Amino acid sequence: MRIVDFFWELWEHHRGKLIGAIIGFGIGLLILVFGFIKAIFLVFCAFLGYYIGKHIDKKEGLRDILDKILPPGR
């Protein structure tokens, strides 16, 4: 069996486990390199960037995105 076939089968049958392990490894590595607080800040910034990028892909304006994050006052 070729190595490519092995990884494709692994991806097809254990996708969630594989993604979880990669994310866990990445966060653990961040904590080892930067420390806990800096790693948490970095992960927070990555999720915030993902959230904003997701809404930009939906063709929403910056004001719409900010209104969802920070609702306008009364």
C-alpha atoms as a PDB file:
ATOM      1  CA  MET A   1       0.000   0.000   0.000  1.00  0.00           C
ATOM      2  CA  ARG A   2       1.379   3.403  -0.923  1.00  0.00           C
ATOM      3  CA  ILE A   3       1.823   6.063   1.730  1.00  0.00           C
ATOM      4  CA  VAL A   4      -0.601   8.388  -0.116  1.00  0.00           C
ATOM      5  CA  ASP A   5      -3.297   5.705   0.007  1.00  0.00           C
ATOM      6  CA  PHE A   6      -2.655   5.223   3.719  1.00  0.00           C
ATOM      7  CA  PHE A   7      -3.107   8.937   4.474  1.00  0.00           C
ATOM      8  CA  TRP A   8      -6.173   9.181   2.230  1.00  0.00           C
ATOM      9  CA  GLU A   9      -7.789   6.246   4.043  1.00  0.00           C
ATOM     10  CA  LEU A  10      -6.856   7.807   7.387  1.00  0.00           C
ATOM     11  CA  TRP A  11      -8.449  11.097   6.276  1.00  0.00           C
ATOM     12  CA  GLU A  12     -11.617   9.371   5.041  1.00  0.00           C
ATOM     13  CA  HIS A  13     -12.243   7.237   8.136  1.00  0.00           C
ATOM     14  CA  HIS A  14     -10.798   9.318  10.985  1.00  0.00           C
ATOM     15  CA  ARG A  15     -11.123  12.935   9.840  1.00  0.00           C
ATOM     16  CA  GLY A  16     -12.364  14.343  13.154  1.00  0.00           C
ATOM     17  CA  LYS A  17      -9.696  12.576  15.193  1.00  0.00           C
ATOM     18  CA  LEU A  18      -6.981  13.693  12.813  1.00  0.00           C
ATOM     19  CA  ILE A  19      -8.082  17.337  12.832  1.00  0.00           C
ATOM     20  CA  GLY A  20      -8.434  17.280  16.627  1.00  0.00           C
ATOM     21  CA  ALA A  21      -4.965  15.811  17.050  1.00  0.00           C
ATOM     22  CA  ILE A  22      -3.418  18.417  14.737  1.00  0.00           C
ATOM     23  CA  ILE A  23      -5.166  21.278  16.549  1.00  0.00           C
ATOM     24  CA  GLY A  24      -4.182  19.862  19.946  1.00  0.00           C
ATOM     25  CA  PHE A  25      -0.582  19.479  18.851  1.00  0.00           C
ATOM     26  CA  GLY A  26      -0.516  23.020  17.497  1.00  0.00           C
ATOM     27  CA  ILE A  27      -1.940  24.540  20.686  1.00  0.00           C
ATOM     28  CA  GLY A  28       0.450  22.492  22.820  1.00  0.00           C
ATOM     29  CA  LEU A  29       3.365  23.664  20.720  1.00  0.00           C
ATOM     30  CA  LEU A  30       2.212  27.283  21.034  1.00  0.00           C
ATOM     31  CA  ILE A  31       2.056  26.942  24.826  1.00  0.00           C
ATOM     32  CA  LEU A  32       5.544  25.446  24.965  1.00  0.00           C
ATOM     33  CA  VAL A  33       7.041  28.149  22.730  1.00  0.00           C
ATOM     34  CA  PHE A  34       5.201  31.286  23.897  1.00  0.00           C
ATOM     35  CA  GLY A  35       3.729  30.433  27.305  1.00  0.00           C
ATOM     36  CA  PHE A  36       0.102  29.957  28.280  1.00  0.00           C
ATOM     37  CA  ILE A  37      -1.201  33.553  28.217  1.00  0.00           C
ATOM     38  CA  LYS A  38       0.490  34.480  24.932  1.00  0.00           C
ATOM     39  CA  ALA A  39      -0.709  31.234  23.344  1.00  0.00           C
ATOM     40  CA  ILE A  40      -4.300  31.877  24.434  1.00  0.00           C
ATOM     41  CA  PHE A  41      -4.074  35.417  23.007  1.00  0.00           C
ATOM     42  CA  LEU A  42      -2.710  34.052  19.725  1.00  0.00           C
ATOM     43  CA  VAL A  43      -5.506  31.465  19.461  1.00  0.00           C
ATOM     44  CA  PHE A  44      -8.085  34.174  20.268  1.00  0.00           C
ATOM     45  CA  CYS A  45      -6.694  36.405  17.502  1.00  0.00           C
ATOM     46  CA  ALA A  46      -6.780  33.487  15.044  1.00  0.00           C
ATOM     47  CA  PHE A  47     -10.438  32.730  15.855  1.00  0.00           C
ATOM     48  CA  LEU A  48     -11.341  36.420  15.593  1.00  0.00           C
ATOM     49  CA  GLY A  49      -9.635  36.596  12.197  1.00  0.00           C
ATOM     50  CA  TYR A  50     -11.500  33.474  11.086  1.00  0.00           C
ATOM     51  CA  TYR A  51     -14.825  34.938  12.248  1.00  0.00           C
ATOM     52  CA  ILE A  52     -14.273  38.230  10.433  1.00  0.00           C
ATOM     53  CA  GLY A  53     -13.004  36.451   7.304  1.00  0.00           C
ATOM     54  CA  LYS A  54     -16.043  34.172   7.262  1.00  0.00           C
ATOM     55  CA  HIS A  55     -18.361  37.169   7.214  1.00  0.00           C
ATOM     56  CA  ILE A  56     -16.301  38.952   4.573  1.00  0.00           C
ATOM     57  CA  ASP A  57     -16.660  35.851   2.391  1.00  0.00           C
ATOM     58  CA  LYS A  58     -20.431  36.251   2.762  1.00  0.00           C
ATOM     59  CA  LYS A  59     -20.010  39.764   1.286  1.00  0.00           C
ATOM     60  CA  GLU A  60     -20.965  41.507   4.518  1.00  0.00           C
ATOM     61  CA  GLY A  61     -19.616  44.971   5.191  1.00  0.00           C
ATOM     62  CA  LEU A  62     -17.351  45.858   8.097  1.00  0.00           C
ATOM     63  CA  ARG A  63     -20.188  47.740   9.822  1.00  0.00           C
ATOM     64  CA  ASP A  64     -22.412  44.625   9.680  1.00  0.00           C
ATOM     65  CA  ILE A  65     -19.652  42.521  11.209  1.00  0.00           C
ATOM     66  CA  LEU A  66     -18.999  45.032  13.976  1.00  0.00           C
ATOM     67  CA  ASP A  67     -22.739  45.279  14.704  1.00  0.00           C
ATOM     68  CA  LYS A  68     -22.820  41.519  15.278  1.00  0.00           C
ATOM     69  CA  ILE A  69     -19.787  41.602  17.566  1.00  0.00           C
ATOM     70  CA  LEU A  70     -20.626  44.890  19.321  1.00  0.00           C
ATOM     71  CA  PRO A  71     -24.384  45.628  19.061  1.00  0.00           C
ATOM     72  CA  PRO A  72     -25.175  49.327  18.660  1.00  0.00           C
ATOM     73  CA  GLY A  73     -26.240  51.244  21.755  1.00  0.00           C
ATOM     74  CA  ARG A  74     -29.736  52.567  22.320  1.00  0.00           C
END
